[in-house]
Protein backbone atom coordinates (compact mmCIF):
# COMPACT_ATOMS: atom_id res chain seq x y z
CA MET A 1 88.89 -8.66 -45.57
CA ASN A 2 89.84 -6.32 -48.40
CA LEU A 3 91.74 -8.21 -51.10
CA MET A 4 91.95 -5.19 -53.40
CA GLY A 5 95.09 -3.53 -52.06
CA ASN A 6 96.78 -3.42 -55.47
CA LYS A 7 95.39 -0.34 -57.22
CA ASP A 8 96.86 -1.52 -60.52
CA THR A 9 94.21 -4.27 -60.60
CA ASP A 10 91.51 -3.48 -57.98
CA THR A 11 90.59 -7.16 -57.75
CA GLY A 12 91.22 -9.99 -55.34
CA LYS A 13 93.12 -11.88 -58.04
CA THR A 14 96.45 -10.21 -57.22
CA LEU A 15 97.50 -12.57 -54.42
CA ALA A 16 96.95 -15.70 -56.50
CA SER A 17 98.67 -14.10 -59.50
CA LEU A 18 101.75 -13.17 -57.48
CA VAL A 19 101.96 -16.75 -56.19
CA ILE A 20 101.63 -18.13 -59.73
CA ILE A 21 104.33 -15.81 -61.08
CA ALA A 22 106.61 -16.61 -58.13
CA ARG A 23 106.28 -20.28 -59.06
CA ALA A 24 107.05 -19.41 -62.70
CA VAL A 25 110.18 -17.51 -61.67
CA ASN A 26 111.28 -20.45 -59.51
CA HIS A 27 110.76 -22.77 -62.49
CA ILE A 28 112.94 -20.53 -64.66
CA TYR A 29 115.71 -20.49 -62.03
CA SER A 30 115.60 -24.22 -61.33
CA THR A 31 115.29 -25.54 -64.89
CA GLY A 32 116.85 -22.88 -67.08
CA LYS A 33 113.72 -22.90 -69.24
CA ASN A 34 111.66 -19.84 -70.10
CA VAL A 35 107.95 -19.72 -69.21
CA MET A 36 105.06 -18.55 -71.35
CA LEU A 37 101.63 -18.49 -69.71
CA ILE A 38 98.52 -19.04 -71.82
CA THR A 39 95.69 -17.22 -70.08
CA PRO A 40 92.01 -17.18 -71.06
CA SER A 41 90.09 -14.68 -68.99
CA SER A 42 86.99 -12.54 -68.72
CA GLY A 43 89.26 -9.73 -67.60
CA ASN A 44 90.28 -9.87 -63.95
CA LYS A 45 92.51 -12.96 -63.87
CA ALA A 46 94.39 -11.81 -66.96
CA GLY A 47 94.73 -8.27 -65.64
CA ALA A 48 96.21 -9.49 -62.36
CA LEU A 49 98.55 -11.97 -64.05
CA ARG A 50 99.76 -9.38 -66.56
CA ASP A 51 100.41 -6.98 -63.70
CA ALA A 52 102.36 -9.67 -61.81
CA VAL A 53 104.46 -10.47 -64.91
CA LEU A 54 105.26 -6.79 -65.37
CA LYS A 55 106.27 -6.42 -61.72
CA ALA A 56 108.57 -9.46 -61.94
CA ILE A 57 110.30 -7.92 -64.96
CA GLU A 58 110.51 -4.42 -63.50
CA VAL A 59 112.10 -5.53 -60.22
CA GLY A 60 114.64 -7.65 -62.09
CA LEU A 61 113.53 -11.14 -61.09
CA VAL A 62 113.54 -12.17 -64.76
CA LYS A 63 114.46 -10.75 -68.14
CA LYS A 64 111.58 -9.77 -70.39
CA ASP A 65 112.12 -12.67 -72.79
CA GLN A 66 112.27 -15.25 -69.97
CA LEU A 67 108.72 -14.74 -68.69
CA ARG A 68 105.84 -14.04 -71.06
CA ILE A 69 102.04 -14.12 -70.98
CA VAL A 70 99.61 -14.57 -73.87
CA THR A 71 96.07 -13.48 -73.06
CA ILE A 72 92.79 -14.15 -74.85
CA ILE A 73 89.56 -12.53 -73.71
CA PRO A 74 85.99 -12.32 -75.03
CA HIS A 75 85.27 -9.05 -76.83
CA SER A 76 82.71 -8.19 -74.14
CA SER A 77 85.54 -7.89 -71.58
CA ILE A 78 87.70 -5.36 -73.41
CA GLU A 79 86.68 -2.59 -71.01
CA LYS A 80 88.06 -4.67 -68.12
CA THR A 81 91.49 -5.09 -69.71
CA ARG A 82 93.81 -2.38 -68.47
CA SER A 83 96.56 -0.67 -70.37
CA SER A 84 100.01 -0.76 -68.76
CA LYS A 85 103.65 -0.76 -69.77
CA LEU A 86 103.11 -4.36 -70.84
CA PHE A 87 100.97 -2.86 -73.61
CA THR A 88 102.47 0.57 -74.27
CA ASP A 89 106.09 -0.65 -74.53
CA LYS A 90 106.46 -1.97 -78.08
CA GLU A 91 108.77 -4.88 -77.23
CA LEU A 92 106.84 -5.93 -74.12
CA ASN A 93 103.61 -5.77 -76.11
CA ARG A 94 105.11 -8.05 -78.77
CA LEU A 95 106.19 -10.57 -76.15
CA ASN A 96 102.94 -10.36 -74.13
CA PRO A 97 100.07 -9.98 -76.61
CA VAL A 98 96.36 -9.65 -75.86
CA PHE A 99 93.88 -11.30 -78.23
CA VAL A 100 90.13 -10.94 -78.46
CA SER A 101 87.63 -13.61 -79.48
CA ASP A 102 84.55 -12.12 -81.11
CA GLN A 103 82.65 -15.28 -82.04
CA GLY A 104 80.64 -17.85 -80.11
CA GLU A 105 80.18 -17.81 -76.32
CA ALA A 106 82.40 -15.83 -73.96
CA GLN A 107 83.65 -19.00 -72.28
CA ASP A 108 84.96 -20.30 -75.62
CA VAL A 109 88.22 -18.46 -74.90
CA LYS A 110 89.02 -21.30 -72.50
CA ASN A 111 88.82 -23.86 -75.32
CA ILE A 112 90.95 -21.72 -77.64
CA ALA A 113 93.70 -21.31 -75.05
CA SER A 114 93.53 -24.95 -73.96
CA ASP A 115 93.74 -26.15 -77.57
CA PHE A 116 96.76 -23.94 -78.23
CA PHE A 117 98.46 -25.33 -75.12
CA LYS A 118 97.83 -28.97 -76.06
CA ARG A 119 98.98 -28.46 -79.65
CA ASN A 120 102.19 -26.61 -78.79
CA LYS A 121 103.48 -27.61 -75.34
CA ASP A 122 105.87 -30.30 -76.68
CA LEU A 123 107.12 -28.07 -79.50
CA TYR A 124 107.91 -25.19 -77.14
CA ASP A 125 109.57 -27.50 -74.62
CA LYS A 126 111.81 -29.32 -77.09
CA GLU A 127 112.59 -26.63 -79.67
CA ARG A 128 112.20 -23.28 -77.89
CA ASN A 129 113.46 -23.99 -74.38
CA THR A 130 110.11 -22.74 -73.08
CA THR A 131 107.55 -24.27 -70.76
CA LEU A 132 103.99 -23.46 -71.80
CA TRP A 133 101.71 -23.04 -68.79
CA TYR A 134 97.94 -23.09 -69.16
CA SER A 135 97.02 -20.93 -66.19
CA LEU A 136 93.36 -21.79 -65.72
CA GLY A 137 93.67 -24.77 -63.41
CA ILE A 138 92.05 -24.77 -59.99
CA ASP A 139 95.25 -25.91 -58.26
CA ASN A 140 97.01 -22.77 -59.51
CA TYR A 141 94.64 -20.71 -57.38
CA LYS A 142 94.06 -23.03 -54.42
CA VAL A 143 97.45 -22.19 -52.91
CA ALA A 144 96.71 -18.48 -52.57
CA ASP A 145 93.10 -18.99 -51.55
CA ALA A 146 94.21 -21.44 -48.86
CA MET A 147 96.46 -18.72 -47.43
CA ARG A 148 93.36 -16.65 -46.66
CA ALA A 149 92.12 -19.35 -44.31
CA CYS A 150 95.44 -19.25 -42.48
CA ILE A 151 95.11 -15.47 -42.05
CA GLU A 152 91.54 -15.83 -40.78
CA ALA A 153 92.45 -18.56 -38.32
CA ASP A 154 95.18 -16.35 -36.87
CA PHE A 155 92.91 -13.32 -36.67
CA PHE A 156 89.83 -14.92 -35.17
CA CYS A 157 91.72 -17.10 -32.72
CA ASN A 158 93.91 -14.24 -31.50
CA GLU A 159 91.57 -11.25 -31.67
CA LEU A 160 88.27 -12.61 -30.41
CA SER A 161 87.41 -13.92 -26.99
CA SER A 162 86.47 -17.38 -28.02
CA PRO A 163 83.37 -19.43 -27.91
CA ASP A 164 84.02 -23.08 -28.62
CA ARG A 165 83.39 -22.42 -32.30
CA TYR A 166 83.16 -19.28 -34.38
CA ARG A 167 80.49 -19.82 -37.03
CA TYR A 168 80.46 -17.50 -40.00
CA LEU A 169 79.65 -17.38 -43.67
CA HIS A 170 81.87 -16.71 -46.65
CA ILE A 171 80.04 -14.82 -49.37
CA HIS A 172 81.50 -14.62 -52.86
CA SER A 173 80.25 -13.68 -56.27
CA VAL A 174 81.32 -16.72 -58.26
CA SER A 175 81.83 -17.96 -61.77
CA SER A 176 83.35 -21.35 -60.89
CA ALA A 177 83.93 -20.86 -57.12
CA TYR A 178 87.67 -21.57 -57.34
CA GLY A 179 88.19 -19.16 -54.45
CA LEU A 180 85.81 -20.94 -52.12
CA LEU A 181 87.19 -24.38 -52.88
CA GLY A 182 90.71 -23.11 -52.31
CA HIS A 183 89.64 -21.45 -49.08
CA ASN A 184 88.16 -24.71 -47.83
CA GLU A 185 91.47 -26.42 -48.61
CA GLY A 186 93.10 -23.89 -46.30
CA VAL A 187 90.48 -24.45 -43.61
CA LYS A 188 91.32 -28.16 -43.62
CA ARG A 189 95.05 -27.43 -43.35
CA PHE A 190 95.12 -24.52 -40.88
CA ASN A 191 92.04 -24.97 -38.71
CA LYS A 192 93.39 -27.91 -36.72
CA LYS A 193 91.57 -26.99 -33.51
CA LYS A 194 88.23 -26.84 -35.36
CA TYR A 195 87.73 -23.33 -34.01
CA LEU A 196 86.40 -21.93 -37.27
CA ASP A 197 83.04 -23.23 -38.46
CA ILE A 198 82.55 -21.85 -41.95
CA GLY A 199 79.71 -22.05 -44.45
CA TYR A 200 79.61 -20.71 -47.99
CA LEU A 201 77.13 -18.57 -49.92
CA LEU A 202 77.34 -18.51 -53.72
CA VAL A 203 76.21 -15.31 -55.44
CA GLN A 204 75.55 -15.36 -59.19
CA HIS A 205 73.64 -13.51 -61.89
CA LEU A 206 71.02 -14.91 -64.26
CA TYR A 207 73.35 -15.20 -67.28
CA THR A 208 75.42 -17.84 -65.51
CA ASN A 209 73.45 -19.24 -62.59
CA ASP A 210 74.46 -22.89 -63.03
CA MET A 211 76.25 -23.22 -59.68
CA VAL A 212 73.25 -21.99 -57.69
CA THR A 213 70.85 -24.06 -59.79
CA SER A 214 73.02 -27.16 -59.39
CA LEU A 215 73.21 -26.62 -55.63
CA LEU A 216 69.45 -26.23 -55.26
CA ASN A 217 68.86 -29.35 -57.33
CA HIS A 218 71.41 -31.22 -55.20
CA LEU A 219 69.63 -30.14 -52.03
CA GLY A 220 66.23 -31.10 -53.45
CA ARG A 221 64.95 -27.54 -53.71
CA ASP A 222 63.07 -25.73 -56.45
CA SER A 223 65.51 -24.17 -58.92
CA LYS A 224 63.14 -22.94 -61.63
CA PRO A 225 61.20 -19.83 -60.62
CA GLN A 226 58.14 -18.96 -62.67
CA TYR A 227 58.43 -15.35 -63.83
CA LYS A 228 55.59 -13.19 -65.06
CA LYS A 229 56.07 -10.11 -67.18
CA SER A 230 54.59 -7.00 -65.60
CA PRO A 231 52.99 -4.16 -67.64
CA ASP A 232 56.19 -2.12 -67.39
CA GLY A 233 58.23 -4.93 -68.98
CA ILE A 234 59.90 -6.20 -65.79
CA TYR A 235 59.87 -9.91 -65.00
CA VAL A 236 58.70 -10.64 -61.44
CA GLN A 237 58.34 -13.67 -59.15
CA GLU A 238 57.88 -14.22 -55.44
CA GLY A 239 57.92 -18.00 -55.08
CA ASN A 240 61.68 -18.68 -55.01
CA PRO A 241 63.82 -16.69 -52.53
CA ASN A 242 67.04 -17.85 -54.18
CA PHE A 243 66.28 -15.94 -57.37
CA PRO A 244 65.62 -12.28 -58.17
CA THR A 245 62.14 -10.99 -57.43
CA SER A 246 62.50 -8.59 -60.35
CA THR A 247 64.68 -8.40 -63.44
CA SER A 248 64.58 -6.77 -66.85
CA SER A 249 65.90 -9.93 -68.53
CA LEU A 250 65.75 -13.64 -67.75
CA ASP A 251 69.37 -14.11 -68.92
CA GLN A 252 70.68 -10.85 -67.54
CA CYS A 253 74.46 -10.35 -67.41
CA ILE A 254 75.42 -7.92 -64.64
CA ASP A 255 79.16 -8.37 -65.12
CA THR A 256 81.14 -10.13 -67.87
CA THR A 257 83.57 -11.43 -65.23
CA PHE A 258 81.06 -14.21 -64.55
CA TYR A 259 81.00 -16.13 -67.81
CA SER A 260 81.36 -19.84 -66.98
CA LYS A 261 78.38 -22.01 -67.86
CA LYS A 262 78.16 -25.51 -66.37
CA PRO A 263 81.49 -25.22 -64.53
CA PRO A 264 83.12 -28.55 -63.58
CA THR A 265 83.32 -27.42 -59.93
CA CYS A 266 79.56 -27.68 -59.31
CA GLU A 267 79.55 -31.14 -57.79
CA GLU A 268 82.47 -30.45 -55.46
CA MET A 269 80.87 -27.19 -54.29
CA ASN A 270 77.50 -28.90 -53.79
CA LEU A 271 79.03 -31.49 -51.48
CA LEU A 272 80.97 -28.83 -49.58
CA ILE A 273 77.88 -26.71 -48.87
CA GLU A 274 75.89 -29.81 -47.96
CA GLU A 275 78.58 -30.64 -45.40
CA LYS A 276 79.45 -27.16 -44.11
CA GLY A 277 76.18 -25.29 -44.57
CA GLY A 278 75.36 -22.30 -46.68
CA ASN A 279 73.29 -21.58 -49.74
CA GLY A 280 73.22 -19.86 -53.10
CA ILE A 281 71.44 -16.79 -54.41
CA VAL A 282 71.03 -15.19 -57.82
CA VAL A 283 70.77 -11.40 -57.91
CA SER A 284 69.62 -9.02 -60.61
CA ARG A 285 71.01 -5.65 -61.66
CA GLU A 286 67.76 -4.06 -60.51
CA GLU A 287 68.22 -5.53 -57.02
CA CYS A 288 71.86 -4.40 -56.88
CA ILE A 289 70.81 -0.85 -57.76
CA LYS A 290 67.85 -0.90 -55.35
CA TRP A 291 70.14 -1.83 -52.45
CA LEU A 292 73.02 0.39 -53.56
CA HIS A 293 72.34 3.05 -50.91
CA VAL A 294 72.82 0.39 -48.22
CA THR A 295 75.89 -1.02 -49.98
CA ARG A 296 77.45 2.45 -50.04
CA LYS A 297 76.95 2.80 -46.28
CA ILE A 298 78.50 -0.60 -45.62
CA LEU A 299 81.56 0.09 -47.79
CA ALA A 300 82.17 3.74 -46.85
CA PRO A 301 83.97 2.96 -43.55
CA VAL A 302 86.57 0.94 -45.47
CA GLU A 303 87.03 3.78 -47.97
CA ILE A 304 85.32 2.13 -50.91
CA GLU A 305 83.14 4.74 -52.58
CA ILE A 306 80.60 3.65 -55.19
CA PRO A 307 79.96 6.39 -57.80
CA PHE A 308 76.43 7.65 -58.31
CA GLU A 309 76.88 7.35 -62.09
CA ILE A 310 75.98 3.67 -62.48
CA ASP A 311 77.49 3.40 -65.97
CA LEU A 312 80.95 4.09 -64.54
CA ILE A 313 80.90 0.79 -62.62
CA LYS A 314 82.88 -1.76 -64.62
CA GLU A 315 83.32 -4.44 -61.94
CA TRP A 316 80.26 -5.51 -59.96
CA SER A 317 81.46 -8.54 -57.98
CA LEU A 318 81.69 -6.78 -54.62
CA ILE A 319 78.35 -5.04 -55.12
CA MET A 320 76.77 -8.36 -56.10
CA ALA A 321 78.22 -10.02 -52.98
CA VAL A 322 76.91 -7.33 -50.64
CA THR A 323 73.50 -7.40 -52.32
CA GLY A 324 73.42 -11.19 -52.06
CA ALA A 325 74.25 -10.94 -48.36
CA LEU A 326 71.52 -8.39 -47.68
CA LEU A 327 68.89 -10.30 -49.63
CA SER A 328 69.86 -13.60 -48.01
CA VAL A 329 69.37 -12.10 -44.57
CA GLU A 330 66.09 -10.44 -45.56
CA ARG A 331 64.74 -13.66 -47.07
CA LYS A 332 66.07 -15.79 -44.20
CA ILE A 333 68.22 -17.92 -46.49
CA VAL A 334 71.14 -18.00 -44.05
CA THR A 335 69.48 -17.91 -40.63
CA GLU A 336 71.71 -20.57 -39.08
CA PHE A 337 74.79 -18.31 -39.28
CA ASP A 338 75.68 -15.68 -36.72
CA VAL A 339 78.21 -13.73 -38.79
CA LEU A 340 78.55 -12.81 -42.43
CA VAL A 341 82.02 -12.26 -43.82
CA ILE A 342 82.38 -10.58 -47.21
CA HIS A 343 85.72 -10.61 -48.99
CA ALA A 344 86.18 -7.53 -51.15
CA SER A 345 86.91 -9.33 -54.39
CA GLY A 346 86.54 -6.60 -56.97
CA VAL A 347 85.11 -3.18 -57.63
CA TYR A 348 86.43 -0.55 -60.01
CA PHE A 349 85.21 2.30 -62.14
CA GLN A 350 85.85 3.47 -65.68
CA ASP A 351 87.26 6.87 -64.68
CA LYS A 352 90.03 5.26 -62.57
CA TYR A 353 92.00 3.42 -65.28
CA THR A 354 92.69 3.29 -69.02
CA CYS A 355 91.30 0.25 -70.82
CA LEU A 356 92.41 -1.22 -74.13
CA GLU A 357 90.46 -0.53 -77.29
CA LEU A 358 89.26 -3.27 -79.63
CA SER A 359 91.11 -1.57 -82.49
CA GLU A 360 94.39 -1.98 -80.57
CA VAL A 361 94.31 -5.78 -80.20
CA LYS A 362 94.28 -8.71 -82.60
CA THR A 363 91.35 -11.07 -83.07
CA ALA A 364 91.73 -14.84 -82.67
CA ASN A 365 88.85 -17.32 -82.59
CA THR A 366 90.79 -20.58 -82.91
CA ALA A 367 94.05 -22.09 -81.69
CA GLU A 368 95.26 -21.99 -85.29
CA GLU A 369 94.75 -18.23 -85.43
CA LEU A 370 96.69 -17.83 -82.20
CA GLU A 371 99.51 -19.85 -83.76
CA SER A 372 99.56 -17.64 -86.84
CA PHE A 373 100.25 -14.61 -84.67
CA ILE A 374 102.65 -15.98 -82.03
CA GLY A 375 104.06 -19.06 -83.71
CA GLY A 376 103.28 -22.72 -83.40
C-alpha cells in the first residue's frame, strides 16, 4: 500500500494531516474561532501539515489568517523541510513561521512546543479568538491510521479467495509507532468478522532503538548485543538477530525522522505485539546499503526508483522497512507469518525538492523565545 501519493510531501503523513486540517476547518466553521497549530517535528509531520494548511487556503476553505501553523524542528532536520508558497509568500510566511532549535537533543522540540501551548492557550482563546492546537497527540493520528485498516479489510475480504483467516505482518519504521497503534484501533473497529489476523514488526535504528529494546525486555529476550570492533573500524556481533550484525557506530542515526527516545507508547505497543504477534528489529545504514540492490528490485514494479548516489537519499523510512523485512525473514524472526505487508511510508531524494536553509529561518530554543517572535 503506497501512502506517498502526494508528491508535495512524499511521505505517508499526508492522509493524517488532511484529516487534522479538515477537523481544524470544521472547528473554525462551528465556533467562529481561528486555529493556530503548534507543531514540533523532525520534518515529515510538519511538512505534511504545512502542505495541508496551504491546500486548505488555496482552495478557499479558510482565509489565510483563520488557519495558521507554527513549526519548530531540530536543526538536523532542515534538509527535510520543504519550501513552498507557505514560505515564499511574505504574508503566508509571517503567519506560518518555521523555527529551528539548535541546542540539546532533537526531541527537545516537543517540550518547547508543548510549553508554548500550555503557557498561551488561555490567552489566545480569550483575547485573540484563536484556538491553539498542539498537534502531536496520538489521537490526532489514530483516526487516519484507523482508516487504513478499513481499506485493508475491504481489499482482502473482496479480492482474495478466503481462508478462515488471513495472517499477515505490518512492517513500519517507527519513532513512536503512532501509525501501528492507530492501525490496530481500525482493526478493532472494522475487522468484525475476525478475517484479518495481523501482527506488527517494529523497525528502528541504533540512535533511537528504545521501542525494540523495550519489546525484547518485555518478552524476556536479550536486548543488549555485545559488539566487537573489527580491524577496519566496524562494530560486529552475531549473537542477537534483532540488532545489526555490522555498524560503523553504536548510536548510528540513519534518518533524523526517527528522533524519539523513550517514547510513552512503548508499553502499549509491547502488549499489542505480545497479543497479536510480531517482533522488532534494529537495522544499520551498512545493512540498508548492502541490501539496496534487492530493495530496488522490490520497489521498481511500483515505480519507486532509488538513486545510486546514496547521499541524495534524504528519507530512509521505506528503505529501512524493506531492509528490516528482508533481514527478519533471513534471520527467521517472523516465521509464524505467511505474508509481509510493507506500507510505503516515506522515501524522497534531495534533487526532487527545494529545502529551506538554516539562514532563512529563526532560531528558538525555549517557549519564551517562541513567544518573542510570534507573541505570547
